[in-house]
Amino acid sequence: ANGAIVNQPGFSAAFSCKKGTPMVPVQSCRVW
C-alpha cells in the first residue's frame, strides 16, 4: 500500500498533501 502510494503523481492533489510529507517525498520512484 504505502510503497506504491508514495510514488503516485495523483495522490498529493487527492488528499491535499504537501511535498515533503511522508506520503509525498521530495524524491520518488517512477518506472511506468
Full PDB file with SEQRES, HELIX, SHEET, SSBOND, CRYST1, ORIGX, SCALE, CONECT and MASTER records, all heavy atoms in Angstrom:
SEQRES   1 A   32  ALA ASN GLY ALA ILE VAL ASN GLN PRO GLY PHE SER ALA          
SEQRES   2 A   32  ALA PHE SER CYS LYS LYS GLY THR PRO MET VAL PRO VAL          
SEQRES   3 A   32  GLN SER CYS ARG VAL TRP                                      
HELIX    1 AA1 ASN A    2  ILE A    5  1                                   4    
HELIX    2 AA2 PHE A   11  PHE A   15  1                                   5    
CRYST1    1.000    1.000    1.000  90.00  90.00  90.00 P 1           1          
ORIGX1      1.000000  0.000000  0.000000        0.00000                         
ORIGX2      0.000000  1.000000  0.000000        0.00000                         
ORIGX3      0.000000  0.000000  1.000000        0.00000                         
SCALE1      1.000000  0.000000  0.000000        0.00000                         
SCALE2      0.000000  1.000000  0.000000        0.00000                         
SCALE3      0.000000  0.000000  1.000000        0.00000                         
ATOM      1  N   ALA A   1       0.835  -1.204   0.000  1.00  0.00           N  
ATOM      2  CA  ALA A   1       0.000   0.000   0.000  1.00  0.00           C  
ATOM      3  C   ALA A   1       0.872   1.259   0.000  1.00  0.00           C  
ATOM      4  O   ALA A   1       0.929   1.985  -0.992  1.00  0.00           O  
ATOM      5  CB  ALA A   1      -0.934  -0.016   1.202  1.00  0.00           C  
ATOM      6  N   ASN A   2       1.574   1.499   1.094  1.00  0.00           N  
ATOM      7  CA  ASN A   2       2.354   2.732   1.204  1.00  0.00           C  
ATOM      8  C   ASN A   2       3.497   2.806   0.205  1.00  0.00           C  
ATOM      9  O   ASN A   2       3.831   3.879  -0.288  1.00  0.00           O  
ATOM     10  CB  ASN A   2       2.912   2.869   2.618  1.00  0.00           C  
ATOM     11  CG  ASN A   2       1.889   3.411   3.594  1.00  0.00           C  
ATOM     12  OD1 ASN A   2       0.770   3.747   3.209  1.00  0.00           O  
ATOM     13  ND2 ASN A   2       2.256   3.486   4.864  1.00  0.00           N  
ATOM     14  N   GLY A   3       4.110   1.656  -0.098  1.00  0.00           N  
ATOM     15  CA  GLY A   3       5.251   1.656  -1.009  1.00  0.00           C  
ATOM     16  C   GLY A   3       4.892   2.143  -2.395  1.00  0.00           C  
ATOM     17  O   GLY A   3       5.722   2.744  -3.097  1.00  0.00           O  
ATOM     18  N   ALA A   4       3.658   1.892  -2.819  1.00  0.00           N  
ATOM     19  CA  ALA A   4       3.205   2.376  -4.123  1.00  0.00           C  
ATOM     20  C   ALA A   4       2.636   3.787  -4.028  1.00  0.00           C  
ATOM     21  O   ALA A   4       2.842   4.614  -4.931  1.00  0.00           O  
ATOM     22  CB  ALA A   4       2.157   1.425  -4.696  1.00  0.00           C  
ATOM     23  N   ILE A   5       1.921   4.075  -2.944  1.00  0.00           N  
ATOM     24  CA  ILE A   5       1.288   5.394  -2.798  1.00  0.00           C  
ATOM     25  C   ILE A   5       2.318   6.513  -2.861  1.00  0.00           C  
ATOM     26  O   ILE A   5       2.080   7.568  -3.471  1.00  0.00           O  
ATOM     27  CB  ILE A   5       0.492   5.470  -1.472  1.00  0.00           C  
ATOM     28  CG1 ILE A   5      -0.776   4.608  -1.555  1.00  0.00           C  
ATOM     29  CG2 ILE A   5       0.143   6.916  -1.129  1.00  0.00           C  
ATOM     30  CD1 ILE A   5      -1.829   5.108  -2.505  1.00  0.00           C  
ATOM     31  N   VAL A   6       3.480   6.333  -2.261  1.00  0.00           N  
ATOM     32  CA  VAL A   6       4.473   7.419  -2.217  1.00  0.00           C  
ATOM     33  C   VAL A   6       4.993   7.784  -3.601  1.00  0.00           C  
ATOM     34  O   VAL A   6       5.601   8.851  -3.771  1.00  0.00           O  
ATOM     35  CB  VAL A   6       5.671   7.065  -1.300  1.00  0.00           C  
ATOM     36  CG1 VAL A   6       5.218   6.880   0.121  1.00  0.00           C  
ATOM     37  CG2 VAL A   6       6.418   5.831  -1.807  1.00  0.00           C  
ATOM     38  N   ASN A   7       4.751   6.930  -4.584  1.00  0.00           N  
ATOM     39  CA  ASN A   7       5.245   7.189  -5.936  1.00  0.00           C  
ATOM     40  C   ASN A   7       4.142   7.578  -6.916  1.00  0.00           C  
ATOM     41  O   ASN A   7       4.366   7.597  -8.126  1.00  0.00           O  
ATOM     42  CB  ASN A   7       5.978   5.946  -6.458  1.00  0.00           C  
ATOM     43  CG  ASN A   7       7.175   5.577  -5.613  1.00  0.00           C  
ATOM     44  OD1 ASN A   7       7.960   6.445  -5.249  1.00  0.00           O  
ATOM     45  ND2 ASN A   7       7.313   4.302  -5.279  1.00  0.00           N  
ATOM     46  N   GLN A   8       2.944   7.892  -6.397  1.00  0.00           N  
ATOM     47  CA  GLN A   8       1.812   8.186  -7.271  1.00  0.00           C  
ATOM     48  C   GLN A   8       1.683   9.679  -7.564  1.00  0.00           C  
ATOM     49  O   GLN A   8       1.513  10.482  -6.637  1.00  0.00           O  
ATOM     50  CB  GLN A   8       0.520   7.665  -6.652  1.00  0.00           C  
ATOM     51  CG  GLN A   8       0.485   6.160  -6.496  1.00  0.00           C  
ATOM     52  CD  GLN A   8       0.726   5.438  -7.809  1.00  0.00           C  
ATOM     53  OE1 GLN A   8       0.019   5.671  -8.791  1.00  0.00           O  
ATOM     54  NE2 GLN A   8       1.716   4.556  -7.829  1.00  0.00           N  
ATOM     55  N   PRO A   9       1.723  10.073  -8.827  1.00  0.00           N  
ATOM     56  CA  PRO A   9       1.635  11.502  -9.149  1.00  0.00           C  
ATOM     57  C   PRO A   9       0.278  12.123  -8.823  1.00  0.00           C  
ATOM     58  O   PRO A   9       0.187  13.336  -8.631  1.00  0.00           O  
ATOM     59  CB  PRO A   9       1.902  11.539 -10.660  1.00  0.00           C  
ATOM     60  CG  PRO A   9       1.620  10.153 -11.156  1.00  0.00           C  
ATOM     61  CD  PRO A   9       1.967   9.241 -10.018  1.00  0.00           C  
ATOM     62  N   GLY A  10      -0.788  11.310  -8.733  1.00  0.00           N  
ATOM     63  CA  GLY A  10      -2.108  11.876  -8.460  1.00  0.00           C  
ATOM     64  C   GLY A  10      -2.486  11.933  -7.003  1.00  0.00           C  
ATOM     65  O   GLY A  10      -3.509  12.545  -6.643  1.00  0.00           O  
ATOM     66  N   PHE A  11      -1.706  11.330  -6.131  1.00  0.00           N  
ATOM     67  CA  PHE A  11      -2.105  11.204  -4.732  1.00  0.00           C  
ATOM     68  C   PHE A  11      -2.084  12.533  -3.991  1.00  0.00           C  
ATOM     69  O   PHE A  11      -2.982  12.836  -3.197  1.00  0.00           O  
ATOM     70  CB  PHE A  11      -1.205  10.191  -4.020  1.00  0.00           C  
ATOM     71  CG  PHE A  11      -1.510  10.056  -2.553  1.00  0.00           C  
ATOM     72  CD1 PHE A  11      -2.596   9.311  -2.125  1.00  0.00           C  
ATOM     73  CD2 PHE A  11      -0.725  10.691  -1.597  1.00  0.00           C  
ATOM     74  CE1 PHE A  11      -2.894   9.191  -0.773  1.00  0.00           C  
ATOM     75  CE2 PHE A  11      -1.013  10.576  -0.252  1.00  0.00           C  
ATOM     76  CZ  PHE A  11      -2.097   9.824   0.159  1.00  0.00           C  
ATOM     77  N   SER A  12      -1.072  13.339  -4.228  1.00  0.00           N  
ATOM     78  CA  SER A  12      -0.908  14.595  -3.488  1.00  0.00           C  
ATOM     79  C   SER A  12      -2.139  15.480  -3.625  1.00  0.00           C  
ATOM     80  O   SER A  12      -2.675  15.986  -2.624  1.00  0.00           O  
ATOM     81  CB  SER A  12       0.331  15.334  -3.996  1.00  0.00           C  
ATOM     82  OG  SER A  12       0.434  16.612  -3.395  1.00  0.00           O  
ATOM     83  N   ALA A  13      -2.632  15.646  -4.855  1.00  0.00           N  
ATOM     84  CA  ALA A  13      -3.801  16.503  -5.072  1.00  0.00           C  
ATOM     85  C   ALA A  13      -5.053  15.895  -4.454  1.00  0.00           C  
ATOM     86  O   ALA A  13      -5.916  16.613  -3.934  1.00  0.00           O  
ATOM     87  CB  ALA A  13      -4.001  16.737  -6.565  1.00  0.00           C  
ATOM     88  N   ALA A  14      -5.160  14.580  -4.501  1.00  0.00           N  
ATOM     89  CA  ALA A  14      -6.361  13.915  -3.994  1.00  0.00           C  
ATOM     90  C   ALA A  14      -6.563  14.184  -2.511  1.00  0.00           C  
ATOM     91  O   ALA A  14      -7.697  14.354  -2.051  1.00  0.00           O  
ATOM     92  CB  ALA A  14      -6.276  12.415  -4.262  1.00  0.00           C  
ATOM     93  N   PHE A  15      -5.475  14.230  -1.742  1.00  0.00           N  
ATOM     94  CA  PHE A  15      -5.588  14.404  -0.287  1.00  0.00           C  
ATOM     95  C   PHE A  15      -4.944  15.701   0.200  1.00  0.00           C  
ATOM     96  O   PHE A  15      -4.734  15.868   1.402  1.00  0.00           O  
ATOM     97  CB  PHE A  15      -4.977  13.200   0.425  1.00  0.00           C  
ATOM     98  CG  PHE A  15      -5.857  11.976   0.373  1.00  0.00           C  
ATOM     99  CD1 PHE A  15      -5.744  11.072  -0.664  1.00  0.00           C  
ATOM    100  CD2 PHE A  15      -6.830  11.763   1.335  1.00  0.00           C  
ATOM    101  CE1 PHE A  15      -6.564   9.950  -0.734  1.00  0.00           C  
ATOM    102  CE2 PHE A  15      -7.659  10.652   1.281  1.00  0.00           C  
ATOM    103  CZ  PHE A  15      -7.534   9.740   0.241  1.00  0.00           C  
ATOM    104  N   SER A  16      -4.632  16.596  -0.741  1.00  0.00           N  
ATOM    105  CA  SER A  16      -4.049  17.904  -0.394  1.00  0.00           C  
ATOM    106  C   SER A  16      -2.811  17.751   0.482  1.00  0.00           C  
ATOM    107  O   SER A  16      -2.642  18.443   1.500  1.00  0.00           O  
ATOM    108  CB  SER A  16      -5.093  18.783   0.321  1.00  0.00           C  
ATOM    109  OG  SER A  16      -6.220  18.975  -0.510  1.00  0.00           O  
ATOM    110  N   CYS A  17      -1.953  16.826   0.092  1.00  0.00           N  
ATOM    111  CA  CYS A  17      -0.714  16.584   0.836  1.00  0.00           C  
ATOM    112  C   CYS A  17       0.413  17.432   0.255  1.00  0.00           C  
ATOM    113  O   CYS A  17       0.587  17.496  -0.967  1.00  0.00           O  
ATOM    114  CB  CYS A  17      -0.326  15.106   0.767  1.00  0.00           C  
ATOM    115  SG  CYS A  17      -1.525  13.988   1.513  1.00  0.00           S  
ATOM    116  N   LYS A  18       1.169  18.052   1.122  1.00  0.00           N  
ATOM    117  CA  LYS A  18       2.276  18.888   0.677  1.00  0.00           C  
ATOM    118  C   LYS A  18       3.503  18.047   0.383  1.00  0.00           C  
ATOM    119  O   LYS A  18       3.747  17.021   1.021  1.00  0.00           O  
ATOM    120  CB  LYS A  18       2.611  19.927   1.751  1.00  0.00           C  
ATOM    121  CG  LYS A  18       1.504  20.943   1.988  1.00  0.00           C  
ATOM    122  CD  LYS A  18       1.911  21.953   3.053  1.00  0.00           C  
ATOM    123  CE  LYS A  18       0.794  22.974   3.293  1.00  0.00           C  
ATOM    124  NZ  LYS A  18       1.183  23.948   4.343  1.00  0.00           N  
ATOM    125  N   LYS A  19       4.278  18.464  -0.581  1.00  0.00           N  
ATOM    126  CA  LYS A  19       5.533  17.796  -0.901  1.00  0.00           C  
ATOM    127  C   LYS A  19       6.440  17.855   0.310  1.00  0.00           C  
ATOM    128  O   LYS A  19       6.551  18.877   0.969  1.00  0.00           O  
ATOM    129  CB  LYS A  19       6.201  18.458  -2.107  1.00  0.00           C  
ATOM    130  CG  LYS A  19       7.321  17.644  -2.707  1.00  0.00           C  
ATOM    131  CD  LYS A  19       7.782  18.263  -4.012  1.00  0.00           C  
ATOM    132  CE  LYS A  19       7.885  17.390  -5.206  1.00  0.00           C  
ATOM    133  NZ  LYS A  19       7.415  16.096  -5.291  1.00  0.00           N  
ATOM    134  N   GLY A  20       7.058  16.732   0.617  1.00  0.00           N  
ATOM    135  CA  GLY A  20       7.917  16.646   1.787  1.00  0.00           C  
ATOM    136  C   GLY A  20       7.270  15.911   2.940  1.00  0.00           C  
ATOM    137  O   GLY A  20       7.961  15.546   3.901  1.00  0.00           O  
ATOM    138  N   THR A  21       5.953  15.677   2.859  1.00  0.00           N  
ATOM    139  CA  THR A  21       5.302  14.827   3.857  1.00  0.00           C  
ATOM    140  C   THR A  21       5.664  13.370   3.554  1.00  0.00           C  
ATOM    141  O   THR A  21       6.077  13.041   2.436  1.00  0.00           O  
ATOM    142  CB  THR A  21       3.776  15.009   3.846  1.00  0.00           C  
ATOM    143  OG1 THR A  21       3.282  14.764   2.523  1.00  0.00           O  
ATOM    144  CG2 THR A  21       3.396  16.418   4.276  1.00  0.00           C  
ATOM    145  N   PRO A  22       5.535  12.471   4.532  1.00  0.00           N  
ATOM    146  CA  PRO A  22       5.970  11.083   4.307  1.00  0.00           C  
ATOM    147  C   PRO A  22       5.356  10.415   3.078  1.00  0.00           C  
ATOM    148  O   PRO A  22       6.031   9.627   2.402  1.00  0.00           O  
ATOM    149  CB  PRO A  22       5.534  10.377   5.599  1.00  0.00           C  
ATOM    150  CG  PRO A  22       5.606  11.442   6.639  1.00  0.00           C  
ATOM    151  CD  PRO A  22       5.154  12.694   5.953  1.00  0.00           C  
ATOM    152  N   MET A  23       4.097  10.719   2.750  1.00  0.00           N  
ATOM    153  CA  MET A  23       3.455  10.078   1.605  1.00  0.00           C  
ATOM    154  C   MET A  23       3.718  10.801   0.284  1.00  0.00           C  
ATOM    155  O   MET A  23       3.368  10.292  -0.785  1.00  0.00           O  
ATOM    156  CB  MET A  23       1.941   9.968   1.832  1.00  0.00           C  
ATOM    157  CG  MET A  23       1.537   9.000   2.929  1.00  0.00           C  
ATOM    158  SD  MET A  23       1.864   7.259   2.520  1.00  0.00           S  
ATOM    159  CE  MET A  23       3.410   6.978   3.390  1.00  0.00           C  
ATOM    160  N   VAL A  24       4.337  11.973   0.362  1.00  0.00           N  
ATOM    161  CA  VAL A  24       4.699  12.718  -0.853  1.00  0.00           C  
ATOM    162  C   VAL A  24       6.149  13.172  -0.707  1.00  0.00           C  
ATOM    163  O   VAL A  24       6.443  14.355  -0.514  1.00  0.00           O  
ATOM    164  CB  VAL A  24       3.766  13.927  -1.089  1.00  0.00           C  
ATOM    165  CG1 VAL A  24       4.038  14.543  -2.466  1.00  0.00           C  
ATOM    166  CG2 VAL A  24       2.299  13.511  -0.997  1.00  0.00           C  
ATOM    167  N   PRO A  25       7.094  12.220  -0.770  1.00  0.00           N  
ATOM    168  CA  PRO A  25       8.501  12.573  -0.560  1.00  0.00           C  
ATOM    169  C   PRO A  25       9.027  13.471  -1.676  1.00  0.00           C  
ATOM    170  O   PRO A  25       8.486  13.505  -2.787  1.00  0.00           O  
ATOM    171  CB  PRO A  25       9.193  11.209  -0.565  1.00  0.00           C  
ATOM    172  CG  PRO A  25       8.295  10.321  -1.369  1.00  0.00           C  
ATOM    173  CD  PRO A  25       6.904  10.790  -1.082  1.00  0.00           C  
ATOM    174  N   VAL A  26      10.079  14.174  -1.366  1.00  0.00           N  
ATOM    175  CA  VAL A  26      10.700  15.052  -2.361  1.00  0.00           C  
ATOM    176  C   VAL A  26      11.210  14.238  -3.532  1.00  0.00           C  
ATOM    177  O   VAL A  26      11.061  14.617  -4.701  1.00  0.00           O  
ATOM    178  CB  VAL A  26      11.841  15.866  -1.717  1.00  0.00           C  
ATOM    179  CG1 VAL A  26      12.577  16.690  -2.777  1.00  0.00           C  
ATOM    180  CG2 VAL A  26      11.291  16.767  -0.615  1.00  0.00           C  
ATOM    181  N   GLN A  27      11.806  13.090  -3.243  1.00  0.00           N  
ATOM    182  CA  GLN A  27      12.295  12.195  -4.285  1.00  0.00           C  
ATOM    183  C   GLN A  27      11.447  10.928  -4.286  1.00  0.00           C  
ATOM    184  O   GLN A  27      11.280  10.286  -3.251  1.00  0.00           O  
ATOM    185  CB  GLN A  27      13.768  11.829  -4.032  1.00  0.00           C  
ATOM    186  CG  GLN A  27      14.727  13.012  -4.072  1.00  0.00           C  
ATOM    187  CD  GLN A  27      14.835  13.629  -5.456  1.00  0.00           C  
ATOM    188  OE1 GLN A  27      14.719  12.935  -6.465  1.00  0.00           O  
ATOM    189  NE2 GLN A  27      15.054  14.941  -5.505  1.00  0.00           N  
ATOM    190  N   SER A  28      10.900  10.580  -5.430  1.00  0.00           N  
ATOM    191  CA  SER A  28      10.098   9.364  -5.539  1.00  0.00           C  
ATOM    192  C   SER A  28      10.599   8.538  -6.719  1.00  0.00           C  
ATOM    193  O   SER A  28      11.445   8.980  -7.494  1.00  0.00           O  
ATOM    194  CB  SER A  28       8.615   9.703  -5.710  1.00  0.00           C  
ATOM    195  OG  SER A  28       8.405  10.459  -6.886  1.00  0.00           O  
ATOM    196  N   CYS A  29      10.063   7.325  -6.823  1.00  0.00           N  
ATOM    197  CA  CYS A  29      10.485   6.396  -7.882  1.00  0.00           C  
ATOM    198  C   CYS A  29       9.363   6.244  -8.897  1.00  0.00           C  
ATOM    199  O   CYS A  29       8.196   6.094  -8.515  1.00  0.00           O  
ATOM    200  CB  CYS A  29      10.819   5.025  -7.293  1.00  0.00           C  
ATOM    201  SG  CYS A  29      12.090   5.041  -6.015  1.00  0.00           S  
ATOM    202  N   ARG A  30       9.705   6.235 -10.154  1.00  0.00           N  
ATOM    203  CA  ARG A  30       8.692   6.051 -11.202  1.00  0.00           C  
ATOM    204  C   ARG A  30       9.327   5.314 -12.363  1.00  0.00           C  
ATOM    205  O   ARG A  30      10.317   5.753 -12.929  1.00  0.00           O  
ATOM    206  CB  ARG A  30       8.158   7.415 -11.652  1.00  0.00           C  
ATOM    207  CG  ARG A  30       7.188   7.379 -12.843  1.00  0.00           C  
ATOM    208  CD  ARG A  30       5.772   7.089 -12.425  1.00  0.00           C  
ATOM    209  NE  ARG A  30       4.906   6.929 -13.590  1.00  0.00           N  
ATOM    210  CZ  ARG A  30       4.281   7.921 -14.228  1.00  0.00           C  
ATOM    211  NH1 ARG A  30       4.438   9.167 -13.804  1.00  0.00           N  
ATOM    212  NH2 ARG A  30       3.508   7.668 -15.261  1.00  0.00           N  
ATOM    213  N   VAL A  31       8.746   4.173 -12.727  1.00  0.00           N  
ATOM    214  CA  VAL A  31       9.180   3.441 -13.918  1.00  0.00           C  
ATOM    215  C   VAL A  31       8.149   3.664 -15.008  1.00  0.00           C  
ATOM    216  O   VAL A  31       8.424   4.267 -16.040  1.00  0.00           O  
ATOM    217  CB  VAL A  31       9.339   1.933 -13.630  1.00  0.00           C  
ATOM    218  CG1 VAL A  31       9.880   1.205 -14.865  1.00  0.00           C  
ATOM    219  CG2 VAL A  31      10.263   1.706 -12.443  1.00  0.00           C  
ATOM    220  N   TRP A  32       6.934   3.188 -14.752  1.00  0.00           N  
ATOM    221  CA  TRP A  32       5.848   3.337 -15.740  1.00  0.00           C  
ATOM    222  C   TRP A  32       4.858   4.393 -15.254  1.00  0.00           C  
ATOM    223  O   TRP A  32       4.660   4.592 -14.089  1.00  0.00           O  
ATOM    224  CB  TRP A  32       5.140   2.005 -15.967  1.00  0.00           C  
ATOM    225  CG  TRP A  32       6.093   0.950 -16.462  1.00  0.00           C  
ATOM    226  CD1 TRP A  32       6.597  -0.101 -15.745  1.00  0.00           C  
ATOM    227  CD2 TRP A  32       6.681   0.862 -17.747  1.00  0.00           C  
ATOM    228  NE1 TRP A  32       7.451  -0.841 -16.506  1.00  0.00           N  
ATOM    229  CE2 TRP A  32       7.527  -0.274 -17.754  1.00  0.00           C  
ATOM    230  CE3 TRP A  32       6.580   1.623 -18.916  1.00  0.00           C  
ATOM    231  CZ2 TRP A  32       8.268  -0.650 -18.873  1.00  0.00           C  
ATOM    232  CZ3 TRP A  32       7.317   1.242 -20.021  1.00  0.00           C  
ATOM    233  CH2 TRP A  32       8.155   0.127 -19.988  1.00  0.00           C  
TER     234      TRP A  32                                                      
MASTER        0    0    0    2    0    0    0    6  233    1    0    3          
END                                                                             
